[in-house]
Amino acid sequence: MSLNKNILGLIFANMHEDVIPELTRRRTMGSVLFGGRYRMIDFVLSSMTNSGVDEVGVVTKSNYQSLLDHLGSGREWDMARKIGGLHLLPPFSNTASGIYRGRLEALYGITEFIKYSAADYVIMSDCDVVTSFDYDDIFEQHIRSGADITAVYARANLTQEAAVHSNVFGIDENGRVNNVLINPKLSGECNVALNTYIISKDLLMNIITEGAAKGHYSFAKTILQARCNEFVIQGYEHKRYFSKITSIQTYYDANMALLSTENRKSLFLDTNPIYTKIRDNPPAKLAIGAKVKNSIVADGCIIEGTVENSILFRGAKVGKGSIIRNSIVMQDTAVGRNCTLDSVITDKQVTITDGKILTGSSNYPICIGKGAQI
């Protein structure tokens, strides 16, 4: 089934950025770099493209300059269209709205955009989950079940630290959501919400209008939790590979997990490719004597030293005699000569001068901010 114009996609680029402030001080959650060459928004936007959603609105709040630069016209996702296509939706789109506090207020700010869409249904997704969604299958279940709202979840083991940044569903024997725990203090195997919902446009407009009149701003608290017995909220279990980002530790772990061939194959499917902005970089260059083992090295990198169990983004440089282990080195970072980095995350355009030694651990990686010089 091709969704085509039947569904409007809404992607919330700024949600959950408080969980990794080290990387979101100057950018949205959607524009956080991941996996060597991608941004977090690439995964949900590519899933929509692969499912035939040809009209997508990206809801922003602040720090969205890098997101603008990354998305451009949407050409890489086949969203550069005269009808439909990709729309960036900044705050204050509605004269009565401002900087939103939650999803309901964000939706109120783009009421006119939703109202004049030709779609009958709306997909709402955030950018905190790395996976490949099958929106065709989710939509088919939504229609078949007759649900008011379909909420996507996955079975996963949560730590207490991850749970306080997650929502957890109770699911009955018929697959209906009968309880919603918001940021609970628990651990163990749970039905973890993946912040992806399908709802009819008419019902969504009614919810937005009522929420604005009553001063509500949280979709999770006001609709999913408070009214789960009033609305038919059907759960959809997502069984594909996924990583949910709830902290800098889970971000590090999710990147490191891609060093497993099995995980890469599970995430990057031939039938559902992940698209991203193309940079015209030359292939990676390894100098004589350079060593690379079990690592992801993007185009444009220049390596003169040793790289092991690490991820190097586009344009990263590793000087002669330097050793990079268990680290994430982001775009255009330059590591000088005779340096040692172990369990380190460097943001974009970091400069590490000769002879520096930076050592974290797999349970507590060191994070260096964008543009820093060490």
Protein backbone atom coordinates (compact mmCIF):
# COMPACT_ATOMS: atom_id res chain seq x y z
CA MET A 1 0.00 0.00 0.00
CA SER A 2 1.29 3.44 -0.90
CA LEU A 3 0.30 6.10 1.61
CA ASN A 4 0.85 9.00 -0.79
CA LYS A 5 -1.30 12.08 -0.16
CA ASN A 6 -3.58 10.24 2.27
CA ILE A 7 -1.18 11.04 5.11
CA LEU A 8 0.57 14.17 6.32
CA GLY A 9 3.85 13.62 8.15
CA LEU A 10 4.80 15.83 11.09
CA ILE A 11 8.31 15.59 12.54
CA PHE A 12 9.11 17.35 15.81
CA ALA A 13 12.76 18.33 15.54
CA ASN A 14 13.25 19.92 18.99
CA MET A 15 11.59 17.37 21.25
CA HIS A 16 13.78 15.54 23.82
CA GLU A 17 16.88 17.65 23.24
CA ASP A 18 17.17 18.14 27.00
CA VAL A 19 18.44 14.54 27.29
CA ILE A 20 21.70 15.31 25.43
CA PRO A 21 22.38 19.01 26.13
CA GLU A 22 26.05 18.41 25.37
CA LEU A 23 25.09 18.06 21.67
CA THR A 24 21.95 20.21 21.41
CA ARG A 25 23.11 23.57 22.79
CA ARG A 26 23.48 24.87 19.24
CA ARG A 27 21.24 22.51 17.26
CA THR A 28 17.95 20.66 17.32
CA MET A 29 17.64 17.01 18.27
CA GLY A 30 16.86 16.34 14.63
CA SER A 31 20.22 17.71 13.47
CA VAL A 32 22.39 15.75 15.94
CA LEU A 33 24.98 13.75 14.00
CA PHE A 34 24.81 9.95 14.08
CA GLY A 35 26.53 6.93 12.60
CA GLY A 36 29.31 8.58 10.59
CA ARG A 37 27.29 10.53 8.03
CA TYR A 38 23.69 10.88 9.18
CA ARG A 39 21.55 13.22 11.28
CA MET A 40 18.86 11.98 13.66
CA ILE A 41 16.08 13.35 11.45
CA ASP A 42 17.28 11.25 8.52
CA PHE A 43 15.84 8.07 9.99
CA VAL A 44 12.25 9.21 10.47
CA LEU A 45 12.21 11.32 7.30
CA SER A 46 13.59 8.44 5.22
CA SER A 47 10.96 6.11 6.70
CA MET A 48 8.25 8.52 5.56
CA THR A 49 9.77 8.76 2.08
CA ASN A 50 10.02 4.97 1.81
CA SER A 51 6.33 4.68 2.75
CA GLY A 52 5.19 7.18 0.12
CA VAL A 53 4.43 10.11 2.44
CA ASP A 54 4.98 13.04 0.08
CA GLU A 55 4.03 15.96 2.36
CA VAL A 56 6.02 16.46 5.55
CA GLY A 57 6.16 19.36 7.98
CA VAL A 58 9.20 19.69 10.25
CA VAL A 59 8.18 21.45 13.47
CA THR A 60 11.01 23.49 15.00
CA LYS A 61 11.44 25.74 18.01
CA SER A 62 15.00 27.09 18.22
CA ASN A 63 18.58 26.51 17.04
CA TYR A 64 17.37 25.23 13.68
CA GLN A 65 19.99 26.82 11.40
CA SER A 66 21.95 23.57 11.02
CA LEU A 67 18.67 21.73 10.36
CA LEU A 68 17.85 24.21 7.58
CA ASP A 69 21.28 23.67 6.07
CA HIS A 70 20.93 19.89 6.25
CA LEU A 71 17.40 19.58 4.84
CA GLY A 72 17.63 22.25 2.15
CA SER A 73 14.86 21.73 -0.38
CA GLY A 74 14.44 18.08 0.64
CA ARG A 75 15.87 16.83 -2.65
CA GLU A 76 17.80 13.93 -1.09
CA TRP A 77 14.52 12.57 0.34
CA ASP A 78 12.57 13.18 -2.90
CA MET A 79 10.69 16.00 -1.15
CA ALA A 80 11.52 18.85 -3.56
CA ARG A 81 8.02 19.10 -4.98
CA LYS A 82 5.67 21.81 -6.25
CA ILE A 83 2.75 20.14 -4.48
CA GLY A 84 3.35 18.73 -1.02
CA GLY A 85 7.02 18.19 -0.30
CA LEU A 86 9.01 19.35 2.71
CA HIS A 87 7.97 22.33 4.86
CA LEU A 88 9.94 23.84 7.73
CA LEU A 89 7.53 25.08 10.40
CA PRO A 90 9.19 27.52 12.84
CA PRO A 91 7.48 28.89 16.00
CA PHE A 92 5.10 31.85 15.74
CA SER A 93 3.51 30.36 12.58
CA ASN A 94 0.23 31.21 14.28
CA THR A 95 -0.07 34.81 15.49
CA ALA A 96 -1.65 33.61 18.75
CA SER A 97 1.14 31.10 19.47
CA GLY A 98 4.72 31.40 20.63
CA ILE A 99 7.52 29.17 21.89
CA TYR A 100 5.73 25.94 22.74
CA ARG A 101 6.05 23.90 25.93
CA GLY A 102 4.79 20.59 24.56
CA ARG A 103 3.40 18.78 21.54
CA LEU A 104 -0.13 20.17 21.82
CA GLU A 105 1.09 23.78 21.86
CA ALA A 106 3.41 23.02 18.95
CA LEU A 107 0.46 21.63 16.99
CA TYR A 108 -1.62 24.70 17.81
CA GLY A 109 1.16 26.84 16.32
CA ILE A 110 0.82 25.04 12.96
CA THR A 111 -2.98 24.72 12.92
CA GLU A 112 -3.33 26.45 9.54
CA PHE A 113 -0.74 24.16 7.93
CA ILE A 114 -2.60 21.06 9.14
CA LYS A 115 -6.02 22.46 8.28
CA TYR A 116 -5.20 23.16 4.64
CA SER A 117 -3.44 19.84 4.02
CA ALA A 118 -5.32 17.49 1.71
CA ALA A 119 -4.46 14.53 3.94
CA ASP A 120 -7.02 12.50 5.86
CA TYR A 121 -4.54 11.20 8.43
CA VAL A 122 -1.49 12.51 10.25
CA ILE A 123 1.69 10.72 11.34
CA MET A 124 3.50 12.43 14.22
CA SER A 125 7.08 11.38 14.99
CA ASP A 126 10.04 12.70 16.96
CA CYS A 127 13.77 12.45 16.24
CA ASP A 128 14.99 10.60 19.34
CA VAL A 129 14.73 7.07 17.88
CA VAL A 130 17.19 5.50 15.46
CA THR A 131 15.29 2.92 13.42
CA SER A 132 13.51 2.25 10.15
CA PHE A 133 9.73 2.51 10.60
CA ASP A 134 7.30 0.67 8.33
CA TYR A 135 4.56 3.28 8.21
CA ASP A 136 2.63 1.23 5.63
CA ASP A 137 2.16 -1.57 8.14
CA ILE A 138 1.38 0.82 11.01
CA PHE A 139 -1.24 2.59 8.88
CA GLU A 140 -2.83 -0.68 7.76
CA GLN A 141 -3.21 -1.75 11.39
CA HIS A 142 -4.64 1.65 12.29
CA ILE A 143 -7.36 1.32 9.63
CA ARG A 144 -8.03 -2.35 10.37
CA SER A 145 -8.37 -1.82 14.12
CA GLY A 146 -10.64 1.22 13.85
CA ALA A 147 -8.53 2.99 16.49
CA ASP A 148 -8.75 6.69 17.22
CA ILE A 149 -4.98 6.80 17.76
CA THR A 150 -2.30 4.21 17.01
CA ALA A 151 0.75 4.54 19.26
CA VAL A 152 3.99 2.79 18.34
CA TYR A 153 5.96 1.05 21.09
CA ALA A 154 8.72 -1.54 21.44
CA ARG A 155 9.57 -4.13 24.06
CA ALA A 156 12.86 -3.17 25.68
CA ASN A 157 14.76 -3.32 28.95
CA LEU A 158 14.93 0.09 30.55
CA THR A 159 17.32 1.31 33.19
CA GLN A 160 16.01 3.78 35.76
CA GLU A 161 18.06 6.53 34.09
CA ALA A 162 16.45 5.81 30.70
CA ALA A 163 12.93 5.37 32.13
CA VAL A 164 12.78 8.90 33.53
CA HIS A 165 13.09 10.17 29.95
CA SER A 166 10.58 7.72 28.48
CA ASN A 167 6.87 6.93 28.45
CA VAL A 168 5.72 3.38 29.13
CA PHE A 169 2.46 1.80 27.91
CA GLY A 170 0.25 -0.77 29.55
CA ILE A 171 -1.19 -2.99 26.80
CA ASP A 172 -4.20 -5.27 27.27
CA GLU A 173 -4.85 -8.64 25.61
CA ASN A 174 -6.42 -6.90 22.59
CA GLY A 175 -3.42 -4.66 22.03
CA ARG A 176 -5.15 -1.55 23.37
CA VAL A 177 -3.25 0.97 25.48
CA ASN A 178 -4.94 0.93 28.90
CA ASN A 179 -2.34 2.78 30.97
CA VAL A 180 0.38 5.34 30.31
CA LEU A 181 3.28 6.02 32.65
CA ILE A 182 5.11 9.28 31.95
CA ASN A 183 8.79 9.42 32.97
CA PRO A 184 8.34 6.62 35.52
CA LYS A 185 10.92 5.55 38.10
CA LEU A 186 11.20 1.89 37.17
CA SER A 187 13.49 -0.58 35.43
CA GLY A 188 13.14 -3.84 33.55
CA GLU A 189 11.33 -4.94 30.40
CA CYS A 190 8.62 -2.46 29.38
CA ASN A 191 6.48 -1.35 26.46
CA VAL A 192 8.51 1.75 25.61
CA ALA A 193 6.74 4.47 23.64
CA LEU A 194 8.63 5.44 20.48
CA ASN A 195 6.83 8.81 20.20
CA THR A 196 5.17 7.92 16.90
CA TYR A 197 1.41 8.23 16.43
CA ILE A 198 -1.18 7.97 13.66
CA ILE A 199 -4.45 9.87 14.00
CA SER A 200 -7.14 11.18 11.67
CA LYS A 201 -6.76 14.84 10.76
CA ASP A 202 -10.29 15.67 11.91
CA LEU A 203 -9.77 14.17 15.37
CA LEU A 204 -6.39 15.87 15.69
CA MET A 205 -7.90 19.26 14.83
CA ASN A 206 -10.58 18.74 17.49
CA ILE A 207 -7.93 17.81 20.06
CA ILE A 208 -5.82 20.87 19.18
CA THR A 209 -8.79 23.24 19.41
CA GLU A 210 -9.95 21.83 22.74
CA GLY A 211 -6.42 21.82 24.15
CA ALA A 212 -5.87 25.46 23.20
CA ALA A 213 -9.15 26.49 24.83
CA LYS A 214 -8.22 24.73 28.08
CA GLY A 215 -4.57 25.75 28.13
CA HIS A 216 -3.25 22.22 27.74
CA TYR A 217 0.18 21.72 26.20
CA SER A 218 1.19 18.07 26.73
CA PHE A 219 -0.19 15.48 24.30
CA ALA A 220 1.11 12.62 26.44
CA LYS A 221 -0.47 13.82 29.69
CA THR A 222 -3.69 15.32 28.34
CA ILE A 223 -4.58 12.76 25.67
CA LEU A 224 -2.63 9.53 26.04
CA GLN A 225 -2.66 9.35 29.84
CA ALA A 226 -5.76 11.21 30.95
CA ARG A 227 -8.06 9.99 28.17
CA CYS A 228 -6.76 6.51 27.31
CA ASN A 229 -10.10 5.00 28.39
CA GLU A 230 -12.09 7.54 26.37
CA PHE A 231 -10.20 7.25 23.10
CA VAL A 232 -9.41 3.92 21.48
CA ILE A 233 -5.61 4.04 21.56
CA GLN A 234 -4.24 0.95 19.88
CA GLY A 235 -0.63 -0.11 20.39
CA TYR A 236 1.58 -1.13 17.48
CA GLU A 237 4.63 -3.18 18.46
CA HIS A 238 7.70 -2.16 16.50
CA LYS A 239 9.89 -5.25 16.13
CA ARG A 240 12.72 -3.88 14.02
CA TYR A 241 16.12 -2.86 15.35
CA PHE A 242 16.03 0.46 17.20
CA SER A 243 17.94 2.68 19.63
CA LYS A 244 16.21 5.31 21.74
CA ILE A 245 18.38 8.25 22.80
CA THR A 246 17.76 9.21 26.43
CA SER A 247 21.24 10.42 27.50
CA ILE A 248 24.74 11.01 26.20
CA GLN A 249 25.51 7.46 27.34
CA THR A 250 22.73 5.92 25.23
CA TYR A 251 23.82 8.12 22.31
CA TYR A 252 27.35 6.75 22.65
CA ASP A 253 26.10 3.18 22.99
CA ALA A 254 23.79 3.50 19.96
CA ASN A 255 26.69 4.68 17.79
CA MET A 256 29.03 2.01 19.06
CA ALA A 257 26.39 -0.64 18.37
CA LEU A 258 26.76 0.11 14.65
CA LEU A 259 30.23 -1.43 14.72
CA SER A 260 28.39 -4.76 14.80
CA THR A 261 27.73 -6.02 11.28
CA GLU A 262 24.47 -7.61 12.43
CA ASN A 263 23.18 -4.32 13.85
CA ARG A 264 24.12 -2.39 10.72
CA LYS A 265 22.27 -4.89 8.54
CA SER A 266 19.24 -4.68 10.81
CA LEU A 267 19.14 -0.87 10.64
CA PHE A 268 20.19 -0.16 7.07
CA LEU A 269 17.79 -2.27 5.06
CA ASP A 270 18.06 -2.62 1.28
CA THR A 271 14.28 -2.25 1.02
CA ASN A 272 14.19 0.85 3.25
CA PRO A 273 17.36 2.91 2.66
CA ILE A 274 18.31 5.82 4.92
CA TYR A 275 18.87 9.00 2.92
CA THR A 276 20.97 11.99 3.94
CA LYS A 277 22.50 15.17 2.56
CA ILE A 278 25.32 14.49 0.13
CA ARG A 279 28.68 16.23 0.47
CA ASP A 280 31.08 16.13 -2.46
CA ASN A 281 34.02 14.79 -0.44
CA PRO A 282 36.78 12.59 -1.83
CA PRO A 283 37.07 9.03 -0.50
CA ALA A 284 38.77 8.49 2.84
CA LYS A 285 42.58 8.57 2.63
CA LEU A 286 44.85 6.30 4.67
CA ALA A 287 48.51 7.26 4.73
CA ILE A 288 51.36 4.74 4.68
CA GLY A 289 51.53 3.13 8.12
CA ALA A 290 47.95 4.04 9.10
CA LYS A 291 45.91 1.31 10.78
CA VAL A 292 42.12 1.04 10.91
CA LYS A 293 40.30 -1.81 12.67
CA ASN A 294 36.57 -2.41 13.22
CA SER A 295 35.62 1.21 12.54
CA ILE A 296 33.24 3.28 10.44
CA VAL A 297 35.17 5.87 8.44
CA ALA A 298 33.21 8.37 6.35
CA ASP A 299 34.28 10.03 3.13
CA GLY A 300 36.73 12.91 3.33
CA CYS A 301 38.66 11.52 6.32
CA ILE A 302 42.45 11.56 6.37
CA ILE A 303 44.08 9.02 8.68
CA GLU A 304 47.80 8.90 9.39
CA GLY A 305 47.59 7.17 12.79
CA THR A 306 45.63 4.28 14.31
CA VAL A 307 41.83 4.02 14.58
CA GLU A 308 40.15 1.13 16.42
CA ASN A 309 36.50 0.49 17.30
CA SER A 310 35.57 4.07 16.44
CA ILE A 311 33.32 6.15 14.21
CA LEU A 312 34.84 8.97 12.15
CA PHE A 313 32.49 11.44 10.47
CA ARG A 314 33.14 13.26 7.21
CA GLY A 315 36.31 15.28 7.00
CA ALA A 316 37.86 14.06 10.27
CA LYS A 317 41.67 14.06 10.40
CA VAL A 318 43.92 11.87 12.55
CA GLY A 319 47.58 12.87 12.73
CA LYS A 320 50.64 10.65 12.58
CA GLY A 321 51.30 8.65 15.75
CA SER A 322 47.81 9.31 17.18
CA ILE A 323 45.60 6.51 18.48
CA ILE A 324 41.80 6.73 18.45
CA ARG A 325 39.95 3.96 20.29
CA ASN A 326 36.26 3.46 21.19
CA SER A 327 35.50 7.05 20.18
CA ILE A 328 33.13 9.14 18.07
CA VAL A 329 34.96 11.82 16.09
CA MET A 330 32.53 14.14 14.37
CA GLN A 331 32.70 16.12 11.18
CA ASP A 332 35.80 18.22 10.41
CA THR A 333 37.49 17.43 13.73
CA ALA A 334 41.29 17.55 13.55
CA VAL A 335 43.36 15.36 15.88
CA GLY A 336 47.04 16.35 15.93
CA ARG A 337 50.12 14.14 16.13
CA ASN A 338 50.89 11.68 18.92
CA CYS A 339 47.49 12.06 20.61
CA THR A 340 45.52 9.34 22.36
CA LEU A 341 41.71 9.38 22.52
CA ASP A 342 39.83 6.58 24.28
CA SER A 343 36.04 6.66 24.82
CA VAL A 344 35.72 10.27 23.66
CA ILE A 345 32.96 12.07 21.76
CA THR A 346 34.12 15.15 19.86
CA ASP A 347 31.50 17.40 18.32
CA LYS A 348 32.04 19.12 14.96
CA GLN A 349 35.15 21.19 14.19
CA VAL A 350 37.05 20.29 17.35
CA THR A 351 40.82 20.77 17.29
CA ILE A 352 43.01 18.55 19.46
CA THR A 353 46.60 19.74 19.42
CA ASP A 354 49.69 17.52 19.38
CA GLY A 355 50.45 15.21 22.26
CA LYS A 356 47.11 15.35 24.10
CA ILE A 357 45.76 12.31 25.98
CA LEU A 358 42.01 12.12 26.62
CA THR A 359 40.65 9.02 28.33
CA GLY A 360 37.07 8.27 29.30
CA SER A 361 35.40 4.90 29.68
CA SER A 362 32.64 2.97 27.94
CA ASN A 363 30.37 3.82 30.88
CA TYR A 364 31.38 7.49 31.04
CA PRO A 365 32.57 8.86 27.70
CA ILE A 366 34.17 12.31 27.58
CA CYS A 367 32.23 14.80 25.42
CA ILE A 368 33.96 17.81 23.84
CA GLY A 369 31.76 20.64 22.56
CA LYS A 370 31.54 22.01 19.04
CA GLY A 371 34.48 24.12 17.90
CA ALA A 372 36.52 23.52 21.06
CA GLN A 373 40.31 23.51 21.00
CA ILE A 374 42.19 21.19 23.37
